[in-house]
């Protein structure tokens, strides 16, 4: 259920979402998804929404398949991809792509700004299409729950674009941590050099004409109407609450991934901003330090089936140049991105978004040969984990293996990550009730779990 402060907001687009149901997150739709069976060697027909910039990279990673439909609101940004796949049908409005070409593709790659992730994803899943969706999964906590429920209901194959999840060294570290090489981990520190775009800023008051190649109204999508300004497009949208999710949203699903995956973190009991500088009503803070506390929990190791009691875990996040004490990693200076997991037996230091780590005890990853490999490794992931992450999804769609950053994992992770932004905007510790999907102690924070959608772009309740 959703907090009473939130308004029911049905997303009305032609026949899409004329009715909604809140029971167990099962949404009622006017048609039943068509399911296909794919051969292991057959090529998928893929559509893409957002095909410039990162979208172009995502499409290239799936170029083993048939690219049949391309949609982008910015024709200048999309020009290179259009030229590379001249046989693909071109669209500006993703809703029109689904109306006119839905039977021509099996799966969809979505690489748009954060505020327009949920809408094409819901249309795709409702039509039974499999999805590769860029991180963070959604723009709001509410949308993350909505997408995860829909994926489960429609039984589509999903993957969030946090490609480090496919890195073979990261997967090995998950196996080692779950095998107990660190002992009980109660403290985690994660940091990033973001933002590398302006934050802590105010909405511009001067405006310029919209470029002829950009459909500004469609770029805004569900966001409030405002005049065009180059401060928003094509990159700096991450630094505006109405479009992006700031440093936490951009890098949390990368840099926190090892801790979330290995320690089975989800549903924090509290989130608190310990320090922040420069937040405005329009834009996230220039720098912040935020702490998540995850409760003690009885968990099952999915790699071995064993159950154990995981202790309470504190995860502290640093951005905007803030970092933990380098002494925690026994180094003089920390790199721009990384994480430290502190256990009773040992401490692990990973000096990047993902990949190899070092143990403060002096142990090497190669020293633990007795710990079995239980997670799959996609061929070629050592050389290119971005490509491997996409190909893992493609093979899962074809019935070979599992996409491991699927929405069952990525949805709860995104919920937790984006609660950091809610805490930042409230400026107080928030206590989270995941089952009821509400903040228990600060009622004024509950509306921040969702957002006001522009007329015609509303979404249903979970």
Protein backbone atom coordinates (compact mmCIF):
# COMPACT_ATOMS: atom_id res chain seq x y z
CA UNK A 1 0.00 0.00 0.00
CA UNK A 2 0.99 3.63 -0.36
CA UNK A 3 0.94 6.48 2.14
CA UNK A 4 -2.40 8.27 2.38
CA UNK A 5 -0.68 11.52 1.46
CA UNK A 6 -0.17 10.25 -2.08
CA UNK A 7 -2.82 10.82 -4.69
CA UNK A 8 -4.03 7.99 -6.94
CA UNK A 9 -2.57 8.78 -10.35
CA UNK A 10 -3.68 6.52 -13.24
CA UNK A 11 -1.34 6.81 -16.28
CA UNK A 12 -3.82 7.35 -19.11
CA UNK A 13 -2.46 6.69 -22.58
CA UNK A 14 -5.11 5.37 -25.01
CA UNK A 15 -5.97 1.85 -23.85
CA UNK A 16 -3.06 1.66 -21.38
CA UNK A 17 -3.80 1.48 -17.66
CA UNK A 18 -7.51 2.30 -17.72
CA UNK A 19 -7.82 0.30 -14.53
CA UNK A 20 -5.41 -0.42 -11.70
CA UNK A 21 -5.46 -2.82 -8.76
CA UNK A 22 -3.44 -2.53 -5.59
CA UNK A 23 -3.74 -6.13 -4.40
CA UNK A 24 -0.22 -7.51 -3.97
CA UNK A 25 1.01 -5.11 -6.62
CA UNK A 26 -0.93 -6.87 -9.38
CA UNK A 27 -2.06 -4.31 -11.96
CA UNK A 28 -5.12 -4.88 -14.13
CA UNK A 29 -4.57 -4.19 -17.82
CA UNK A 30 -6.87 -4.41 -20.83
CA UNK A 31 -4.91 -7.10 -22.66
CA UNK A 32 -2.85 -10.17 -21.86
CA UNK A 33 0.82 -10.17 -22.71
CA UNK A 34 1.89 -12.36 -25.61
CA UNK A 35 4.81 -14.65 -24.73
CA UNK A 36 7.36 -15.98 -27.18
CA UNK A 37 9.70 -18.95 -27.02
CA UNK A 38 13.17 -18.31 -28.43
CA UNK A 39 15.76 -20.72 -29.69
CA UNK A 40 19.23 -20.48 -28.22
CA UNK A 41 20.72 -19.47 -31.57
CA UNK A 42 17.85 -17.28 -32.81
CA UNK A 43 18.23 -13.51 -32.90
CA UNK A 44 15.95 -11.30 -30.86
CA UNK A 45 14.18 -8.33 -32.36
CA UNK A 46 15.02 -5.36 -30.14
CA UNK A 47 13.60 -1.87 -29.74
CA UNK A 48 15.35 0.94 -27.90
CA UNK A 49 14.09 4.07 -26.15
CA UNK A 50 16.83 6.66 -25.76
CA UNK A 51 19.44 5.90 -28.42
CA UNK A 52 22.07 8.63 -28.06
CA UNK A 53 24.83 8.82 -25.46
CA UNK A 54 24.62 5.86 -23.09
CA UNK A 55 21.77 4.48 -25.16
CA UNK A 56 24.08 4.13 -28.14
CA UNK A 57 26.50 2.14 -25.97
CA UNK A 58 23.70 -0.10 -24.71
CA UNK A 59 22.50 -0.80 -28.25
CA UNK A 60 26.03 -1.59 -29.42
CA UNK A 61 26.33 -4.12 -26.60
CA UNK A 62 23.23 -5.83 -28.03
CA UNK A 63 24.27 -5.59 -31.70
CA UNK A 64 24.36 -9.39 -31.94
CA UNK A 65 20.57 -9.14 -32.26
CA UNK A 66 18.21 -7.45 -34.72
CA UNK A 67 17.68 -3.75 -33.95
CA UNK A 68 14.23 -3.09 -35.41
CA UNK A 69 12.93 0.09 -33.73
CA UNK A 70 14.64 3.20 -32.36
CA UNK A 71 13.02 5.99 -30.36
CA UNK A 72 14.55 9.27 -29.23
CA UNK A 73 13.22 12.77 -28.61
CA UNK A 74 16.52 14.34 -29.75
CA UNK A 75 17.26 13.68 -33.40
CA UNK A 76 20.72 15.25 -33.22
CA UNK A 77 21.79 12.93 -30.40
CA UNK A 78 20.18 9.95 -32.14
CA UNK A 79 21.69 10.62 -35.59
CA UNK A 80 24.69 8.32 -35.18
CA UNK A 81 22.58 5.37 -34.05
CA UNK A 82 20.03 5.99 -36.81
CA UNK A 83 22.81 5.89 -39.37
CA UNK A 84 24.23 2.68 -37.91
CA UNK A 85 20.89 0.85 -38.07
CA UNK A 86 19.17 2.28 -41.16
CA UNK A 87 16.65 -0.57 -41.40
CA UNK A 88 15.20 0.17 -37.93
CA UNK A 89 11.95 2.13 -37.77
CA UNK A 90 12.44 5.54 -36.18
CA UNK A 91 10.15 7.12 -33.59
CA UNK A 92 10.18 10.25 -31.45
CA UNK A 93 7.37 9.26 -29.03
CA UNK A 94 7.80 5.87 -27.35
CA UNK A 95 4.03 5.61 -26.92
CA UNK A 96 3.63 5.75 -30.67
CA UNK A 97 6.32 3.09 -31.04
CA UNK A 98 4.31 0.77 -28.82
CA UNK A 99 1.06 1.63 -30.59
CA UNK A 100 2.42 1.01 -34.09
CA UNK A 101 5.29 -1.45 -33.78
CA UNK A 102 4.73 -3.49 -30.62
CA UNK A 103 4.41 -6.78 -32.54
CA UNK A 104 7.74 -6.27 -34.29
CA UNK A 105 10.04 -6.60 -31.25
CA UNK A 106 10.64 -9.03 -28.41
CA UNK A 107 12.50 -6.85 -25.92
CA UNK A 108 13.31 -3.22 -25.18
CA UNK A 109 16.46 -1.34 -24.11
CA UNK A 110 15.61 1.82 -22.12
CA UNK A 111 18.36 4.42 -21.65
CA UNK A 112 16.54 7.69 -21.01
CA UNK A 113 16.96 10.21 -18.17
CA UNK A 114 15.77 8.91 -14.79
CA UNK A 115 12.41 10.69 -14.82
CA UNK A 116 11.32 8.81 -17.96
CA UNK A 117 12.36 5.27 -17.00
CA UNK A 118 9.07 4.04 -15.55
CA UNK A 119 6.65 4.89 -18.35
CA UNK A 120 8.23 3.00 -21.27
CA UNK A 121 9.17 0.17 -18.89
CA UNK A 122 5.55 -0.27 -17.82
CA UNK A 123 4.34 -0.22 -21.41
CA UNK A 124 6.95 -2.79 -22.37
CA UNK A 125 6.20 -5.19 -19.53
CA UNK A 126 2.47 -4.86 -20.03
CA UNK A 127 3.04 -6.02 -23.61
CA UNK A 128 5.14 -8.97 -22.42
CA UNK A 129 8.42 -7.45 -23.58
CA UNK A 130 11.68 -8.14 -21.78
CA UNK A 131 13.63 -5.11 -20.55
CA UNK A 132 17.17 -3.86 -20.13
CA UNK A 133 16.77 -0.64 -18.12
CA UNK A 134 19.55 1.73 -17.15
CA UNK A 135 20.36 2.50 -13.52
CA UNK A 136 18.99 3.76 -11.26
CA UNK A 137 15.97 1.64 -12.02
CA UNK A 138 13.57 4.54 -11.47
CA UNK A 139 13.20 8.16 -10.47
CA UNK A 140 11.29 7.47 -7.23
CA UNK A 141 10.95 4.84 -4.52
CA UNK A 142 7.34 4.24 -5.53
CA UNK A 143 8.26 3.58 -9.16
CA UNK A 144 10.89 1.03 -8.11
CA UNK A 145 8.26 -0.99 -6.23
CA UNK A 146 5.84 -0.65 -9.14
CA UNK A 147 8.30 -1.94 -11.74
CA UNK A 148 9.48 -4.85 -9.61
CA UNK A 149 5.88 -5.95 -9.01
CA UNK A 150 5.03 -5.65 -12.70
CA UNK A 151 8.07 -7.67 -13.79
CA UNK A 152 7.13 -10.42 -11.36
CA UNK A 153 3.50 -10.41 -12.50
CA UNK A 154 4.30 -10.43 -16.23
CA UNK A 155 7.20 -12.87 -15.80
CA UNK A 156 9.47 -10.98 -18.18
CA UNK A 157 13.27 -11.13 -18.16
CA UNK A 158 14.78 -7.94 -16.78
CA UNK A 159 18.21 -6.46 -16.13
CA UNK A 160 19.23 -3.14 -14.62
CA UNK A 161 22.25 -1.47 -16.18
CA UNK A 162 24.73 -1.67 -13.29
CA UNK A 163 27.26 -3.59 -15.35
CA UNK A 164 29.65 -4.17 -12.47
CA UNK A 165 27.20 -6.82 -11.32
CA UNK A 166 28.61 -8.98 -14.12
CA UNK A 167 32.28 -8.39 -13.32
CA UNK A 168 33.92 -11.76 -12.52
CA UNK A 169 36.00 -10.32 -9.66
CA UNK A 170 32.92 -8.77 -8.09
CA UNK A 171 31.12 -12.10 -8.30
CA UNK A 172 34.08 -13.82 -6.71
CA UNK A 173 34.05 -11.33 -3.85
CA UNK A 174 30.34 -12.01 -3.30
CA UNK A 175 31.15 -15.72 -3.01
CA UNK A 176 33.99 -15.07 -0.57
CA UNK A 177 32.04 -12.66 1.63
CA UNK A 178 29.08 -15.04 1.80
CA UNK A 179 31.49 -17.86 2.66
CA UNK A 180 32.55 -15.85 5.72
CA UNK A 181 36.09 -14.77 4.85
CA UNK A 182 35.39 -11.35 6.44
CA UNK A 183 33.34 -12.72 9.32
CA UNK A 184 30.25 -10.74 10.31
CA UNK A 185 30.23 -7.41 8.49
CA UNK A 186 28.65 -4.62 10.52
CA UNK A 187 30.15 -1.54 8.85
CA UNK A 188 30.40 -0.48 5.20
CA UNK A 189 31.74 2.74 3.67
CA UNK A 190 31.04 3.69 0.03
CA UNK A 191 32.07 6.85 -1.79
CA UNK A 192 32.05 8.54 -5.20
CA UNK A 193 33.53 11.58 -6.92
CA UNK A 194 30.09 12.58 -8.22
CA UNK A 195 28.62 15.02 -8.93
CA UNK A 196 30.59 15.82 -12.06
CA UNK A 197 27.69 18.06 -13.13
CA UNK A 198 26.29 21.15 -11.38
CA UNK A 199 24.31 20.51 -8.17
CA UNK A 200 23.07 22.69 -5.33
CA UNK A 201 21.79 25.17 -7.92
CA UNK A 202 18.59 27.09 -8.65
CA UNK A 203 16.34 26.93 -11.66
CA UNK A 204 17.55 29.20 -14.48
CA UNK A 205 15.59 32.36 -15.23
CA UNK A 206 16.93 32.93 -18.76
CA UNK A 207 15.79 30.70 -21.58
CA UNK A 208 16.77 30.04 -25.16
CA UNK A 209 14.85 28.66 -28.14
CA UNK A 210 14.38 24.89 -28.25
CA UNK A 211 16.71 23.29 -30.83
CA UNK A 212 14.86 22.21 -33.97
CA UNK A 213 16.05 18.64 -33.44
CA UNK A 214 14.63 18.30 -29.89
CA UNK A 215 11.02 17.60 -28.90
CA UNK A 216 11.13 19.43 -25.58
CA UNK A 217 7.60 18.47 -24.50
CA UNK A 218 8.36 14.76 -24.91
CA UNK A 219 11.73 15.16 -23.20
CA UNK A 220 9.90 16.61 -20.19
CA UNK A 221 7.41 13.73 -20.26
CA UNK A 222 5.94 13.41 -16.74
CA UNK A 223 7.97 16.33 -15.33
CA UNK A 224 6.41 19.75 -14.67
CA UNK A 225 6.24 22.05 -17.67
CA UNK A 226 8.99 24.66 -17.91
CA UNK A 227 10.84 26.56 -20.65
CA UNK A 228 13.83 24.91 -22.32
CA UNK A 229 17.32 25.66 -21.10
CA UNK A 230 20.62 24.02 -22.00
CA UNK A 231 21.24 23.64 -18.25
CA UNK A 232 19.00 20.55 -18.45
CA UNK A 233 19.88 18.82 -21.73
CA UNK A 234 21.69 16.67 -22.73
CA UNK A 235 23.73 15.78 -19.61
CA UNK A 236 23.19 18.03 -16.61
CA UNK A 237 19.65 16.78 -15.95
CA UNK A 238 21.15 14.56 -13.21
CA UNK A 239 21.52 17.62 -10.99
CA UNK A 240 17.80 18.51 -10.96
CA UNK A 241 15.26 16.82 -8.69
CA UNK A 242 12.59 16.89 -11.41
CA UNK A 243 14.74 14.87 -13.83
CA UNK A 244 17.57 13.08 -12.04
CA UNK A 245 18.54 11.52 -8.74
CA UNK A 246 21.86 13.24 -8.09
CA UNK A 247 25.05 11.54 -7.01
CA UNK A 248 23.28 8.92 -4.90
CA UNK A 249 21.03 7.81 -7.75
CA UNK A 250 23.72 7.91 -10.40
CA UNK A 251 26.39 5.93 -8.57
CA UNK A 252 24.67 4.20 -5.66
CA UNK A 253 23.56 1.26 -7.79
CA UNK A 254 27.19 0.86 -8.92
CA UNK A 255 29.28 1.54 -5.85
CA UNK A 256 26.91 -0.01 -3.28
CA UNK A 257 26.26 -3.11 -5.36
CA UNK A 258 28.91 -5.34 -3.79
CA UNK A 259 27.64 -4.61 -0.26
CA UNK A 260 23.97 -5.01 -1.20
CA UNK A 261 24.56 -8.26 -3.06
CA UNK A 262 27.00 -10.00 -0.74
CA UNK A 263 25.31 -8.98 2.53
CA UNK A 264 21.76 -9.30 1.17
CA UNK A 265 20.87 -5.75 2.13
CA UNK A 266 17.38 -4.43 1.50
CA UNK A 267 14.67 -2.59 3.40
CA UNK A 268 16.73 -0.35 5.71
CA UNK A 269 15.24 0.46 9.09
CA UNK A 270 16.51 4.05 8.92
CA UNK A 271 18.30 6.51 6.64
CA UNK A 272 19.91 9.72 7.87
CA UNK A 273 21.90 12.50 6.21
CA UNK A 274 24.82 13.14 8.54
CA UNK A 275 26.19 16.10 6.61
CA UNK A 276 25.32 17.96 3.45
CA UNK A 277 26.22 21.17 1.69
CA UNK A 278 24.27 23.29 -0.75
CA UNK A 279 21.00 21.46 -1.39
CA UNK A 280 18.24 23.62 -2.92
CA UNK A 281 14.56 23.06 -3.64
CA UNK A 282 15.52 22.37 -7.27
CA UNK A 283 18.75 20.43 -6.90
CA UNK A 284 20.54 17.84 -4.72
CA UNK A 285 23.37 18.83 -2.41
CA UNK A 286 26.82 19.61 -3.71
CA UNK A 287 28.22 17.17 -1.17
CA UNK A 288 26.73 14.85 1.41
CA UNK A 289 27.31 12.03 3.88
CA UNK A 290 24.40 9.63 4.43
CA UNK A 291 23.96 6.57 6.65
CA UNK A 292 21.67 3.59 6.03
CA UNK A 293 21.05 1.14 8.88
CA UNK A 294 19.88 -2.34 7.92
CA UNK A 295 18.36 -4.48 10.68
CA UNK A 296 19.65 -7.77 11.99
CA UNK A 297 18.10 -10.43 9.83
CA UNK A 298 17.88 -14.17 9.35
CA UNK A 299 19.00 -14.71 5.76
CA UNK A 300 19.48 -17.66 3.46
CA UNK A 301 22.62 -17.85 1.38
CA UNK A 302 21.23 -18.38 -2.14
CA UNK A 303 24.56 -19.86 -3.18
CA UNK A 304 24.51 -22.70 -0.63
CA UNK A 305 21.00 -22.78 0.82
CA UNK A 306 22.38 -22.31 4.35
CA UNK A 307 20.63 -19.90 6.71
CA UNK A 308 22.37 -17.67 9.22
CA UNK A 309 21.80 -14.56 11.29
CA UNK A 310 23.21 -11.47 9.60
CA UNK A 311 24.03 -8.69 12.08
CA UNK A 312 22.81 -5.12 11.87
CA UNK A 313 24.75 -3.29 9.15
CA UNK A 314 25.58 0.41 8.90
CA UNK A 315 26.36 1.66 5.38
CA UNK A 316 27.75 5.19 5.06
CA UNK A 317 27.79 6.98 1.71
CA UNK A 318 30.02 9.92 0.78
CA UNK A 319 29.84 12.15 -2.31
CA UNK A 320 30.93 15.55 -3.58
CA UNK A 321 34.52 15.04 -2.44
CA UNK A 322 33.67 13.68 1.01
CA UNK A 323 35.36 10.39 1.85
CA UNK A 324 35.83 8.05 4.81
CA UNK A 325 39.06 8.02 6.79
CA UNK A 326 41.78 6.47 4.54
CA UNK A 327 43.09 4.69 7.65
CA UNK A 328 40.08 2.33 7.35
CA UNK A 329 41.76 0.95 4.22
CA UNK A 330 45.30 1.42 5.55
CA UNK A 331 46.19 3.79 2.70
CA UNK A 332 47.39 7.39 2.61
CA UNK A 333 44.83 8.53 0.05
CA UNK A 334 41.61 7.01 -1.26
CA UNK A 335 40.76 6.96 -4.98
CA UNK A 336 37.71 8.85 -6.36
CA UNK A 337 35.36 5.85 -6.02
CA UNK A 338 35.38 2.75 -3.86
CA UNK A 339 34.04 0.80 -0.91
CA UNK A 340 35.29 -0.70 2.35
CA UNK A 341 33.57 -3.62 4.10
CA UNK A 342 34.69 -4.09 7.71
CA UNK A 343 34.19 -7.55 9.19
CA UNK A 344 35.12 -9.22 12.46
CA UNK A 345 37.81 -11.33 10.76
CA UNK A 346 39.07 -9.03 8.01
CA UNK A 347 38.41 -5.84 6.03
CA UNK A 348 37.93 -5.69 2.27
CA UNK A 349 38.91 -2.60 0.26
CA UNK A 350 37.75 -2.20 -3.36
CA UNK A 351 39.27 0.93 -4.95
CA UNK A 352 36.76 1.30 -7.80
CA UNK A 353 33.06 0.89 -8.68
CA UNK A 354 33.60 -2.87 -8.99
CA UNK A 355 36.35 -5.43 -9.56
CA UNK A 356 39.25 -6.75 -7.51
CA UNK A 357 39.70 -5.93 -3.86
CA UNK A 358 42.44 -6.27 -1.27
CA UNK A 359 42.23 -7.67 2.25
CA UNK A 360 43.84 -5.75 5.10
CA UNK A 361 45.10 -9.02 6.53
CA UNK A 362 47.31 -9.40 3.47
CA UNK A 363 45.26 -12.30 2.08
CA UNK A 364 44.73 -12.49 -1.68
CA UNK A 365 41.57 -13.43 -3.52
CA UNK A 366 43.48 -16.42 -4.92
CA UNK A 367 44.12 -17.72 -1.39
CA UNK A 368 40.54 -18.95 -1.02
CA UNK A 369 40.50 -21.75 -3.56
CA UNK A 370 38.50 -23.90 -1.15
CA UNK A 371 35.52 -21.55 -1.53
CA UNK A 372 33.55 -22.96 -4.47
CA UNK A 373 32.46 -20.89 -7.45
CA UNK A 374 28.68 -20.77 -7.27
CA UNK A 375 27.80 -17.71 -9.34
CA UNK A 376 27.90 -17.98 -13.14
CA UNK A 377 30.54 -16.07 -15.10
CA UNK A 378 29.54 -14.82 -18.51
CA UNK A 379 32.20 -15.55 -21.17
CA UNK A 380 34.30 -12.50 -21.91
CA UNK A 381 33.29 -10.60 -18.78
CA UNK A 382 36.96 -10.27 -17.78
CA UNK A 383 37.58 -8.10 -20.84
CA UNK A 384 34.27 -6.22 -21.07
CA UNK A 385 31.77 -6.54 -18.22
CA UNK A 386 29.48 -3.95 -19.87
CA UNK A 387 29.09 -6.14 -22.95
CA UNK A 388 28.78 -9.26 -20.78
CA UNK A 389 26.04 -7.69 -18.66
CA UNK A 390 23.92 -7.05 -21.76
CA UNK A 391 24.66 -10.45 -23.23
CA UNK A 392 23.74 -12.16 -19.95
CA UNK A 393 20.32 -10.52 -20.29
CA UNK A 394 19.98 -11.54 -23.94
CA UNK A 395 20.83 -15.14 -23.17
CA UNK A 396 18.38 -15.15 -20.25
CA UNK A 397 15.66 -13.96 -22.61
CA UNK A 398 16.51 -16.92 -24.84
CA UNK A 399 16.24 -19.29 -21.89
CA UNK A 400 19.93 -19.67 -21.12
CA UNK A 401 20.77 -18.79 -17.52
CA UNK A 402 19.55 -15.88 -15.41
CA UNK A 403 20.03 -12.11 -15.60
CA UNK A 404 21.32 -11.53 -12.07
CA UNK A 405 20.53 -7.81 -11.77
CA UNK A 406 16.88 -8.52 -12.50
CA UNK A 407 14.16 -6.36 -10.99
CA UNK A 408 13.68 -8.71 -8.03
CA UNK A 409 17.17 -7.59 -6.99
CA UNK A 410 17.35 -4.15 -8.60
CA UNK A 411 13.92 -2.99 -7.41
CA UNK A 412 14.55 -3.29 -3.64
CA UNK A 413 18.08 -2.00 -4.10
CA UNK A 414 16.85 1.10 -5.95
CA UNK A 415 14.19 1.67 -3.28
CA UNK A 416 16.85 1.69 -0.58
CA UNK A 417 19.27 3.86 -2.56
CA UNK A 418 16.63 6.48 -3.39
CA UNK A 419 15.55 6.68 0.24
CA UNK A 420 18.87 8.49 0.65
CA UNK A 421 17.50 11.32 -1.48
CA UNK A 422 14.31 11.40 0.58
CA UNK A 423 16.37 11.76 3.75
CA UNK A 424 18.47 14.47 2.13
CA UNK A 425 15.39 16.48 1.14
CA UNK A 426 13.80 16.13 4.59
CA UNK A 427 17.04 16.80 6.45
CA UNK A 428 16.13 14.37 9.24
CA UNK A 429 16.52 10.69 10.04
CA UNK A 430 13.70 8.74 8.42
CA UNK A 431 12.46 5.37 9.69
CA UNK A 432 11.33 3.11 6.89
CA UNK A 433 8.46 0.62 6.90
CA UNK A 434 9.02 -1.37 3.72
CA UNK A 435 5.98 -3.60 4.15
CA UNK A 436 3.60 -0.66 4.38
CA UNK A 437 5.81 1.43 2.10
CA UNK A 438 5.79 4.49 4.30
CA UNK A 439 8.05 6.56 6.50
CA UNK A 440 6.93 6.04 10.09
CA UNK A 441 8.37 9.02 11.91
CA UNK A 442 8.29 11.97 9.49
CA UNK A 443 4.92 12.09 7.74
CA UNK A 444 5.92 15.08 5.63
CA UNK A 445 8.50 12.86 3.93
CA UNK A 446 5.96 10.38 2.55
CA UNK A 447 4.99 12.46 -0.51
CA UNK A 448 8.66 12.38 -1.52
CA UNK A 449 8.39 8.63 -2.12
CA UNK A 450 6.60 9.56 -5.32
CA UNK A 451 6.07 12.76 -7.31
CA UNK A 452 3.41 14.80 -9.04
CA UNK A 453 3.00 13.61 -12.62
CA UNK A 454 2.10 16.01 -15.39
CA UNK A 455 -1.44 15.56 -16.66
CA UNK A 456 -1.63 12.62 -19.04
CA UNK A 457 1.49 10.98 -17.54
CA UNK A 458 0.08 9.68 -14.25
CA UNK A 459 0.90 6.23 -12.89
CA UNK A 460 -1.19 3.72 -10.87
CA UNK A 461 -0.78 2.94 -7.21
CA UNK A 462 1.19 -0.11 -6.16
